[in-house]
Amino acid sequence: MKNCTVIIPIHELNEDVINLLPNALESVIKQTEVEIPNILVVVKKETELLEKINSIVKEIDNDVNIKILENEGKTDYSSQINLGVENIKTDWFVTLSFDDILTQNWFKILKKEMEVNPNVDIYGCLVQELDENGNFLSFTNEAIWANGFSEKQGYLTNDVLLDYSVFILDGALINKKKFIECGGLKTNIVLSFIYEFLLRATANDLKIYYIPKIGYNRFNGRENSLIKNYIDNSTPTEIKFWYGIAKQEFYYKNEREIVLNFSDVEE
């Protein structure tokens, strides 16, 4: 999997980054029976943060190509990923949060799937949701394999997404060219930016297939985690608003002005 880069976005320095980033890096480096993909860590331009990330990387004994990219612009999640994609040299990429881990055989699974099913633009996976102690909570993306859920089992379509929004891209192998052509992630959409991208991608005929194998372990409930911060700082009305915005904006490749009018959201 040398033609792939794992992008890890980091926008601020705290103890969680110092403690958890090594686990994320090790989950890439210890992939079984494949060439280890490249790693790109995207960091906010900040001297202390850069020095600490460099120190963490140097402590890992490996021959993997790990690069650190300083972001001098917006450092929200979408901006970090978009910048990372623009700067990689490989044709494919995977996003990995610093506080999550890939399963040890995920790239082995991907390599085999690409050989037998090559005409896919995004290869997703089952995501195992865990609590902070590593205890199993649930699966995400599994619905696509339910009987009668999708016209073609395993394949995500625009029609499916319009009725069911709970699909994510954590750990997915994504074609760089198609991602950029589709417009990347929109930085002006809060909370539902992945959902909006999936709607836009399927509307533009990108083939998205979820392999029925666990490829990613996502840890839930950690204080200051991306998802927890979004949920904790959003009311039910705001959450509904942003998912409505996703259904409105996916028709457009470029970002448009969004009027924050939560009063018009139907309860």
C-alpha atoms as a PDB file:
ATOM      1  CA  MET A   1       0.000   0.000   0.000  1.00  0.00           C
ATOM      2  CA  LYS A   2       2.825   2.401  -0.822  1.00  0.00           C
ATOM      3  CA  ASN A   3       0.460   4.366  -3.058  1.00  0.00           C
ATOM      4  CA  CYS A   4      -1.450   5.548   0.011  1.00  0.00           C
ATOM      5  CA  THR A   5      -0.943   8.187   2.681  1.00  0.00           C
ATOM      6  CA  VAL A   6      -2.555   8.171   6.111  1.00  0.00           C
ATOM      7  CA  ILE A   7      -3.452  11.765   7.063  1.00  0.00           C
ATOM      8  CA  ILE A   8      -3.579  12.608  10.769  1.00  0.00           C
ATOM      9  CA  PRO A   9      -4.844  16.147  11.550  1.00  0.00           C
ATOM     10  CA  ILE A  10      -3.806  17.879  14.789  1.00  0.00           C
ATOM     11  CA  HIS A  11      -4.822  21.468  15.491  1.00  0.00           C
ATOM     12  CA  GLU A  12      -3.709  22.036  19.082  1.00  0.00           C
ATOM     13  CA  LEU A  13      -1.304  20.657  21.639  1.00  0.00           C
ATOM     14  CA  ASN A  14      -2.580  19.037  24.832  1.00  0.00           C
ATOM     15  CA  GLU A  15      -1.853  15.995  26.957  1.00  0.00           C
ATOM     16  CA  ASP A  16      -4.273  13.876  24.928  1.00  0.00           C
ATOM     17  CA  VAL A  17      -2.238  14.405  21.761  1.00  0.00           C
ATOM     18  CA  ILE A  18       0.999  13.503  23.546  1.00  0.00           C
ATOM     19  CA  ASN A  19      -0.520  10.352  25.057  1.00  0.00           C
ATOM     20  CA  LEU A  20      -2.651   9.107  22.155  1.00  0.00           C
ATOM     21  CA  LEU A  21      -0.827  10.048  18.938  1.00  0.00           C
ATOM     22  CA  PRO A  22       1.789   7.270  19.373  1.00  0.00           C
ATOM     23  CA  ASN A  23      -1.024   4.683  19.415  1.00  0.00           C
ATOM     24  CA  ALA A  24      -2.459   6.038  16.168  1.00  0.00           C
ATOM     25  CA  LEU A  25       0.972   6.026  14.509  1.00  0.00           C
ATOM     26  CA  GLU A  26       1.722   2.504  15.731  1.00  0.00           C
ATOM     27  CA  SER A  27      -1.594   1.253  14.310  1.00  0.00           C
ATOM     28  CA  VAL A  28      -0.357   2.301  10.870  1.00  0.00           C
ATOM     29  CA  ILE A  29       3.199   1.085  11.267  1.00  0.00           C
ATOM     30  CA  LYS A  30       2.137  -2.357  12.499  1.00  0.00           C
ATOM     31  CA  GLN A  31      -0.124  -3.184   9.554  1.00  0.00           C
ATOM     32  CA  THR A  32       0.327  -6.848   8.618  1.00  0.00           C
ATOM     33  CA  GLU A  33       1.507  -8.382   5.323  1.00  0.00           C
ATOM     34  CA  VAL A  34       1.590  -5.121   3.332  1.00  0.00           C
ATOM     35  CA  GLU A  35       4.004  -2.321   2.585  1.00  0.00           C
ATOM     36  CA  ILE A  36       3.364   0.325   5.209  1.00  0.00           C
ATOM     37  CA  PRO A  37       1.666   3.432   3.779  1.00  0.00           C
ATOM     38  CA  ASN A  38       3.114   6.920   4.110  1.00  0.00           C
ATOM     39  CA  ILE A  39       1.987   9.078   7.031  1.00  0.00           C
ATOM     40  CA  LEU A  40       1.317  12.819   6.949  1.00  0.00           C
ATOM     41  CA  VAL A  41       0.683  14.624  10.233  1.00  0.00           C
ATOM     42  CA  VAL A  42      -0.965  18.007   9.618  1.00  0.00           C
ATOM     43  CA  VAL A  43      -0.318  20.440  12.473  1.00  0.00           C
ATOM     44  CA  LYS A  44      -1.202  24.016  13.280  1.00  0.00           C
ATOM     45  CA  LYS A  45       1.752  26.356  12.713  1.00  0.00           C
ATOM     46  CA  GLU A  46       2.907  26.649  16.295  1.00  0.00           C
ATOM     47  CA  THR A  47       6.478  26.175  17.503  1.00  0.00           C
ATOM     48  CA  GLU A  48       5.702  24.175  20.646  1.00  0.00           C
ATOM     49  CA  LEU A  49       3.254  21.912  18.844  1.00  0.00           C
ATOM     50  CA  LEU A  50       5.659  21.236  15.988  1.00  0.00           C
ATOM     51  CA  GLU A  51       8.557  20.481  18.317  1.00  0.00           C
ATOM     52  CA  LYS A  52       6.491  18.055  20.383  1.00  0.00           C
ATOM     53  CA  ILE A  53       5.100  16.212  17.354  1.00  0.00           C
ATOM     54  CA  ASN A  54       8.618  15.942  15.943  1.00  0.00           C
ATOM     55  CA  SER A  55       9.747  14.464  19.236  1.00  0.00           C
ATOM     56  CA  ILE A  56       6.933  11.899  19.222  1.00  0.00           C
ATOM     57  CA  VAL A  57       7.730  10.865  15.653  1.00  0.00           C
ATOM     58  CA  LYS A  58      11.465  10.477  16.377  1.00  0.00           C
ATOM     59  CA  GLU A  59      10.723   8.171  19.313  1.00  0.00           C
ATOM     60  CA  ILE A  60       9.032   5.680  16.994  1.00  0.00           C
ATOM     61  CA  ASP A  61      11.581   3.202  15.694  1.00  0.00           C
ATOM     62  CA  ASN A  62      10.554   2.528  12.087  1.00  0.00           C
ATOM     63  CA  ASP A  63      11.470   2.965   8.433  1.00  0.00           C
ATOM     64  CA  VAL A  64       8.119   4.485   7.511  1.00  0.00           C
ATOM     65  CA  ASN A  65       7.886   7.757   5.602  1.00  0.00           C
ATOM     66  CA  ILE A  66       6.401  10.112   8.199  1.00  0.00           C
ATOM     67  CA  LYS A  67       6.162  13.781   7.292  1.00  0.00           C
ATOM     68  CA  ILE A  68       4.847  16.763   9.235  1.00  0.00           C
ATOM     69  CA  LEU A  69       2.999  19.533   7.417  1.00  0.00           C
ATOM     70  CA  GLU A  70       2.512  22.925   9.066  1.00  0.00           C
ATOM     71  CA  ASN A  71      -0.843  24.557   8.452  1.00  0.00           C
ATOM     72  CA  GLU A  72      -0.661  28.352   8.420  1.00  0.00           C
ATOM     73  CA  GLY A  73      -4.345  28.811   7.597  1.00  0.00           C
ATOM     74  CA  LYS A  74      -7.660  27.559   9.013  1.00  0.00           C
ATOM     75  CA  THR A  75      -7.211  24.577  11.287  1.00  0.00           C
ATOM     76  CA  ASP A  76     -10.713  23.113  11.550  1.00  0.00           C
ATOM     77  CA  TYR A  77     -10.883  19.403  10.731  1.00  0.00           C
ATOM     78  CA  SER A  78     -12.035  19.901   7.136  1.00  0.00           C
ATOM     79  CA  SER A  79      -9.315  22.463   6.393  1.00  0.00           C
ATOM     80  CA  GLN A  80      -6.647  20.189   7.859  1.00  0.00           C
ATOM     81  CA  ILE A  81      -7.760  17.253   5.712  1.00  0.00           C
ATOM     82  CA  ASN A  82      -8.089  19.331   2.542  1.00  0.00           C
ATOM     83  CA  LEU A  83      -4.587  20.744   3.015  1.00  0.00           C
ATOM     84  CA  GLY A  84      -3.200  17.294   3.655  1.00  0.00           C
ATOM     85  CA  VAL A  85      -4.792  15.883   0.494  1.00  0.00           C
ATOM     86  CA  GLU A  86      -3.400  18.753  -1.580  1.00  0.00           C
ATOM     87  CA  ASN A  87       0.121  17.963  -0.382  1.00  0.00           C
ATOM     88  CA  ILE A  88       0.317  14.181  -0.666  1.00  0.00           C
ATOM     89  CA  LYS A  89       2.080  12.470  -3.577  1.00  0.00           C
ATOM     90  CA  THR A  90       0.063   9.248  -3.490  1.00  0.00           C
ATOM     91  CA  ASP A  91      -3.139   8.450  -5.405  1.00  0.00           C
ATOM     92  CA  TRP A  92      -5.018   7.310  -2.300  1.00  0.00           C
ATOM     93  CA  PHE A  93      -5.386   8.465   1.281  1.00  0.00           C
ATOM     94  CA  VAL A  94      -6.940   7.436   4.590  1.00  0.00           C
ATOM     95  CA  THR A  95      -7.896   9.818   7.407  1.00  0.00           C
ATOM     96  CA  LEU A  96      -7.096   8.824  10.973  1.00  0.00           C
ATOM     97  CA  SER A  97      -7.864  10.847  14.097  1.00  0.00           C
ATOM     98  CA  PHE A  98      -4.956  11.021  16.543  1.00  0.00           C
ATOM     99  CA  ASP A  99      -7.149   9.481  19.275  1.00  0.00           C
ATOM    100  CA  ASP A 100      -8.323   6.476  17.228  1.00  0.00           C
ATOM    101  CA  ILE A 101      -6.558   3.462  15.741  1.00  0.00           C
ATOM    102  CA  LEU A 102      -6.705   1.351  12.591  1.00  0.00           C
ATOM    103  CA  THR A 103      -7.196  -2.394  12.946  1.00  0.00           C
ATOM    104  CA  GLN A 104      -3.987  -4.295  12.343  1.00  0.00           C
ATOM    105  CA  ASN A 105      -5.078  -6.024   9.119  1.00  0.00           C
ATOM    106  CA  TRP A 106      -7.057  -3.194   7.513  1.00  0.00           C
ATOM    107  CA  PHE A 107      -4.583  -2.485   4.692  1.00  0.00           C
ATOM    108  CA  LYS A 108      -4.245  -6.190   3.982  1.00  0.00           C
ATOM    109  CA  ILE A 109      -8.026  -6.296   3.552  1.00  0.00           C
ATOM    110  CA  LEU A 110      -7.944  -3.180   1.368  1.00  0.00           C
ATOM    111  CA  LYS A 111      -5.225  -4.562  -0.874  1.00  0.00           C
ATOM    112  CA  LYS A 112      -7.207  -7.744  -1.543  1.00  0.00           C
ATOM    113  CA  GLU A 113     -10.446  -5.830  -2.131  1.00  0.00           C
ATOM    114  CA  MET A 114      -8.796  -3.501  -4.648  1.00  0.00           C
ATOM    115  CA  GLU A 115      -7.556  -6.519  -6.599  1.00  0.00           C
ATOM    116  CA  VAL A 116     -10.997  -8.121  -6.939  1.00  0.00           C
ATOM    117  CA  ASN A 117     -13.097  -4.941  -6.982  1.00  0.00           C
ATOM    118  CA  PRO A 118     -10.962  -2.201  -8.583  1.00  0.00           C
ATOM    119  CA  ASN A 119     -13.665   0.159  -9.889  1.00  0.00           C
ATOM    120  CA  VAL A 120     -14.365   1.847  -6.588  1.00  0.00           C
ATOM    121  CA  ASP A 121     -13.517   5.419  -5.570  1.00  0.00           C
ATOM    122  CA  ILE A 122     -13.958   5.085  -1.807  1.00  0.00           C
ATOM    123  CA  TYR A 123     -13.505   1.853   0.138  1.00  0.00           C
ATOM    124  CA  GLY A 124     -15.162   2.241   3.532  1.00  0.00           C
ATOM    125  CA  CYS A 125     -15.115  -0.141   6.467  1.00  0.00           C
ATOM    126  CA  LEU A 126     -17.066  -1.198   9.509  1.00  0.00           C
ATOM    127  CA  VAL A 127     -16.172   1.121  12.356  1.00  0.00           C
ATOM    128  CA  GLN A 128     -16.070  -0.354  15.831  1.00  0.00           C
ATOM    129  CA  GLU A 129     -17.254   2.188  18.403  1.00  0.00           C
ATOM    130  CA  LEU A 130     -15.535   1.766  21.774  1.00  0.00           C
ATOM    131  CA  ASP A 131     -15.677   3.548  25.110  1.00  0.00           C
ATOM    132  CA  GLU A 132     -12.582   5.170  26.619  1.00  0.00           C
ATOM    133  CA  ASN A 133     -11.581   1.845  28.185  1.00  0.00           C
ATOM    134  CA  GLY A 134     -11.808  -0.050  24.917  1.00  0.00           C
ATOM    135  CA  ASN A 135     -15.143  -1.740  25.644  1.00  0.00           C
ATOM    136  CA  PHE A 136     -17.371  -2.373  22.646  1.00  0.00           C
ATOM    137  CA  LEU A 137     -20.359  -0.064  22.199  1.00  0.00           C
ATOM    138  CA  SER A 138     -21.667  -0.548  18.661  1.00  0.00           C
ATOM    139  CA  PHE A 139     -20.830  -0.657  14.962  1.00  0.00           C
ATOM    140  CA  THR A 140     -21.165   2.160  12.444  1.00  0.00           C
ATOM    141  CA  ASN A 141     -21.629   1.704   8.659  1.00  0.00           C
ATOM    142  CA  GLU A 142     -23.083  -1.783   9.180  1.00  0.00           C
ATOM    143  CA  ALA A 143     -26.543  -0.746   7.915  1.00  0.00           C
ATOM    144  CA  ILE A 144     -25.387  -0.820   4.309  1.00  0.00           C
ATOM    145  CA  TRP A 145     -25.235  -4.630   4.562  1.00  0.00           C
ATOM    146  CA  ALA A 146     -28.773  -5.092   5.866  1.00  0.00           C
ATOM    147  CA  ASN A 147     -31.058  -6.976   3.476  1.00  0.00           C
ATOM    148  CA  GLY A 148     -32.982  -4.601   1.246  1.00  0.00           C
ATOM    149  CA  PHE A 149     -31.284  -1.497   2.658  1.00  0.00           C
ATOM    150  CA  SER A 150     -29.442  -0.607  -0.540  1.00  0.00           C
ATOM    151  CA  GLU A 151     -30.136  -1.522  -4.147  1.00  0.00           C
ATOM    152  CA  LYS A 152     -26.733  -3.191  -4.318  1.00  0.00           C
ATOM    153  CA  GLN A 153     -25.550  -4.563  -1.019  1.00  0.00           C
ATOM    154  CA  GLY A 154     -22.507  -2.754   0.351  1.00  0.00           C
ATOM    155  CA  TYR A 155     -22.743   0.215  -2.022  1.00  0.00           C
ATOM    156  CA  LEU A 156     -23.740   3.637  -0.743  1.00  0.00           C
ATOM    157  CA  THR A 157     -26.071   5.694  -2.938  1.00  0.00           C
ATOM    158  CA  ASN A 158     -27.525   9.176  -2.804  1.00  0.00           C
ATOM    159  CA  ASP A 159     -31.045   7.809  -2.294  1.00  0.00           C
ATOM    160  CA  VAL A 160     -29.901   5.785   0.721  1.00  0.00           C
ATOM    161  CA  LEU A 161     -28.153   8.801   2.236  1.00  0.00           C
ATOM    162  CA  LEU A 162     -31.183  11.046   1.872  1.00  0.00           C
ATOM    163  CA  ASP A 163     -33.106   8.601   4.079  1.00  0.00           C
ATOM    164  CA  TYR A 164     -30.315   7.564   6.446  1.00  0.00           C
ATOM    165  CA  SER A 165     -27.405   9.793   7.452  1.00  0.00           C
ATOM    166  CA  VAL A 166     -25.355   7.609   9.814  1.00  0.00           C
ATOM    167  CA  PHE A 167     -22.379   6.779   7.614  1.00  0.00           C
ATOM    168  CA  ILE A 168     -18.832   7.946   8.221  1.00  0.00           C
ATOM    169  CA  LEU A 169     -15.476   7.938   6.428  1.00  0.00           C
ATOM    170  CA  ASP A 170     -13.157   7.099   9.313  1.00  0.00           C
ATOM    171  CA  GLY A 171     -10.535   4.686   8.011  1.00  0.00           C
ATOM    172  CA  ALA A 172     -11.883   4.735   4.445  1.00  0.00           C
ATOM    173  CA  LEU A 173      -9.476   4.527   1.494  1.00  0.00           C
ATOM    174  CA  ILE A 174     -10.264   7.518  -0.725  1.00  0.00           C
ATOM    175  CA  ASN A 175      -9.167   8.304  -4.267  1.00  0.00           C
ATOM    176  CA  LYS A 176      -7.312  11.644  -4.125  1.00  0.00           C
ATOM    177  CA  LYS A 177      -8.222  12.751  -7.651  1.00  0.00           C
ATOM    178  CA  LYS A 178     -11.934  12.043  -7.207  1.00  0.00           C
ATOM    179  CA  PHE A 179     -11.960  13.717  -3.782  1.00  0.00           C
ATOM    180  CA  ILE A 180     -10.475  16.920  -5.202  1.00  0.00           C
ATOM    181  CA  GLU A 181     -12.673  16.876  -8.323  1.00  0.00           C
ATOM    182  CA  CYS A 182     -15.713  16.562  -6.075  1.00  0.00           C
ATOM    183  CA  GLY A 183     -14.669  19.618  -4.077  1.00  0.00           C
ATOM    184  CA  GLY A 184     -13.224  18.116  -0.907  1.00  0.00           C
ATOM    185  CA  LEU A 185     -14.699  18.821   2.525  1.00  0.00           C
ATOM    186  CA  LYS A 186     -16.585  22.070   3.007  1.00  0.00           C
ATOM    187  CA  THR A 187     -15.068  24.127   5.797  1.00  0.00           C
ATOM    188  CA  ASN A 188     -18.158  26.272   6.417  1.00  0.00           C
ATOM    189  CA  ILE A 189     -20.376  23.356   7.423  1.00  0.00           C
ATOM    190  CA  VAL A 190     -20.380  22.368  11.078  1.00  0.00           C
ATOM    191  CA  LEU A 191     -21.113  18.867  12.391  1.00  0.00           C
ATOM    192  CA  SER A 192     -22.543  17.432   9.131  1.00  0.00           C
ATOM    193  CA  PHE A 193     -19.588  18.081   6.806  1.00  0.00           C
ATOM    194  CA  ILE A 194     -18.881  14.362   6.251  1.00  0.00           C
ATOM    195  CA  TYR A 195     -22.551  13.705   5.522  1.00  0.00           C
ATOM    196  CA  GLU A 196     -22.622  16.596   3.037  1.00  0.00           C
ATOM    197  CA  PHE A 197     -19.509  15.246   1.314  1.00  0.00           C
ATOM    198  CA  LEU A 198     -21.010  11.765   1.006  1.00  0.00           C
ATOM    199  CA  LEU A 199     -24.195  13.242  -0.473  1.00  0.00           C
ATOM    200  CA  ARG A 200     -22.159  15.291  -2.946  1.00  0.00           C
ATOM    201  CA  ALA A 201     -19.891  12.368  -3.826  1.00  0.00           C
ATOM    202  CA  THR A 202     -22.757   9.991  -4.559  1.00  0.00           C
ATOM    203  CA  ALA A 203     -24.598  12.710  -6.497  1.00  0.00           C
ATOM    204  CA  ASN A 204     -21.478  12.985  -8.662  1.00  0.00           C
ATOM    205  CA  ASP A 205     -21.414   9.225  -9.275  1.00  0.00           C
ATOM    206  CA  LEU A 206     -18.459   8.332  -7.082  1.00  0.00           C
ATOM    207  CA  LYS A 207     -18.587   4.643  -6.240  1.00  0.00           C
ATOM    208  CA  ILE A 208     -18.555   4.123  -2.479  1.00  0.00           C
ATOM    209  CA  TYR A 209     -18.318   0.572  -1.201  1.00  0.00           C
ATOM    210  CA  TYR A 210     -18.214  -0.482   2.433  1.00  0.00           C
ATOM    211  CA  ILE A 211     -16.187  -3.644   2.974  1.00  0.00           C
ATOM    212  CA  PRO A 212     -17.884  -5.822   5.615  1.00  0.00           C
ATOM    213  CA  LYS A 213     -14.757  -5.947   7.763  1.00  0.00           C
ATOM    214  CA  ILE A 214     -13.706  -3.910  10.802  1.00  0.00           C
ATOM    215  CA  GLY A 215     -11.013  -1.443   9.755  1.00  0.00           C
ATOM    216  CA  TYR A 216     -11.204   1.267  12.382  1.00  0.00           C
ATOM    217  CA  ASN A 217     -11.612   1.570  16.137  1.00  0.00           C
ATOM    218  CA  ARG A 218     -13.185   4.875  17.207  1.00  0.00           C
ATOM    219  CA  PHE A 219     -13.082   5.823  20.875  1.00  0.00           C
ATOM    220  CA  ASN A 220     -16.163   7.680  22.112  1.00  0.00           C
ATOM    221  CA  GLY A 221     -16.766   9.933  25.075  1.00  0.00           C
ATOM    222  CA  ARG A 222     -13.261  11.319  25.510  1.00  0.00           C
ATOM    223  CA  GLU A 223     -13.284  14.887  26.803  1.00  0.00           C
ATOM    224  CA  ASN A 224     -12.285  17.404  24.112  1.00  0.00           C
ATOM    225  CA  SER A 225     -12.654  14.878  21.305  1.00  0.00           C
ATOM    226  CA  LEU A 226     -13.914  16.267  18.006  1.00  0.00           C
ATOM    227  CA  ILE A 227     -17.296  14.528  18.026  1.00  0.00           C
ATOM    228  CA  LYS A 228     -17.953  15.098  21.739  1.00  0.00           C
ATOM    229  CA  ASN A 229     -17.197  18.808  21.377  1.00  0.00           C
ATOM    230  CA  TYR A 230     -19.615  19.080  18.464  1.00  0.00           C
ATOM    231  CA  ILE A 231     -22.386  17.238  20.304  1.00  0.00           C
ATOM    232  CA  ASP A 232     -21.856  18.925  23.669  1.00  0.00           C
ATOM    233  CA  ASN A 233     -21.883  22.383  22.110  1.00  0.00           C
ATOM    234  CA  SER A 234     -24.875  21.859  19.824  1.00  0.00           C
ATOM    235  CA  THR A 235     -28.564  21.854  20.690  1.00  0.00           C
ATOM    236  CA  PRO A 236     -30.914  19.344  19.002  1.00  0.00           C
ATOM    237  CA  THR A 237     -32.205  22.248  16.887  1.00  0.00           C
ATOM    238  CA  GLU A 238     -28.680  23.140  15.754  1.00  0.00           C
ATOM    239  CA  ILE A 239     -27.884  19.518  14.909  1.00  0.00           C
ATOM    240  CA  LYS A 240     -31.060  19.257  12.835  1.00  0.00           C
ATOM    241  CA  PHE A 241     -30.199  22.558  11.133  1.00  0.00           C
ATOM    242  CA  TRP A 242     -26.764  21.384  10.021  1.00  0.00           C
ATOM    243  CA  TYR A 243     -28.073  18.098   8.646  1.00  0.00           C
ATOM    244  CA  GLY A 244     -30.676  20.086   6.753  1.00  0.00           C
ATOM    245  CA  ILE A 245     -27.895  22.294   5.392  1.00  0.00           C
ATOM    246  CA  ALA A 246     -26.052  19.194   4.166  1.00  0.00           C
ATOM    247  CA  LYS A 247     -29.117  18.149   2.159  1.00  0.00           C
ATOM    248  CA  GLN A 248     -29.329  21.661   0.739  1.00  0.00           C
ATOM    249  CA  GLU A 249     -25.672  22.259  -0.112  1.00  0.00           C
ATOM    250  CA  PHE A 250     -24.550  18.951  -1.623  1.00  0.00           C
ATOM    251  CA  TYR A 251     -25.820  20.074  -5.033  1.00  0.00           C
ATOM    252  CA  TYR A 252     -22.988  22.607  -5.138  1.00  0.00           C
ATOM    253  CA  LYS A 253     -19.287  21.789  -5.458  1.00  0.00           C
ATOM    254  CA  ASN A 254     -18.106  25.085  -3.987  1.00  0.00           C
ATOM    255  CA  GLU A 255     -18.897  26.552  -0.597  1.00  0.00           C
ATOM    256  CA  ARG A 256     -21.765  29.025  -0.501  1.00  0.00           C
ATOM    257  CA  GLU A 257     -22.761  31.468   2.183  1.00  0.00           C
ATOM    258  CA  ILE A 258     -24.802  29.831   4.934  1.00  0.00           C
ATOM    259  CA  VAL A 259     -27.280  31.913   6.906  1.00  0.00           C
ATOM    260  CA  LEU A 260     -27.419  30.710  10.499  1.00  0.00           C
ATOM    261  CA  ASN A 261     -31.147  30.830  11.121  1.00  0.00           C
ATOM    262  CA  PHE A 262     -32.021  28.127  13.641  1.00  0.00           C
ATOM    263  CA  SER A 263     -35.505  29.527  14.184  1.00  0.00           C
ATOM    264  CA  ASP A 264     -36.681  28.112  10.856  1.00  0.00           C
ATOM    265  CA  VAL A 265     -35.832  24.524  11.824  1.00  0.00           C
ATOM    266  CA  GLU A 266     -38.934  22.371  12.173  1.00  0.00           C
ATOM    267  CA  GLU A 267     -39.182  20.635  15.528  1.00  0.00           C
END
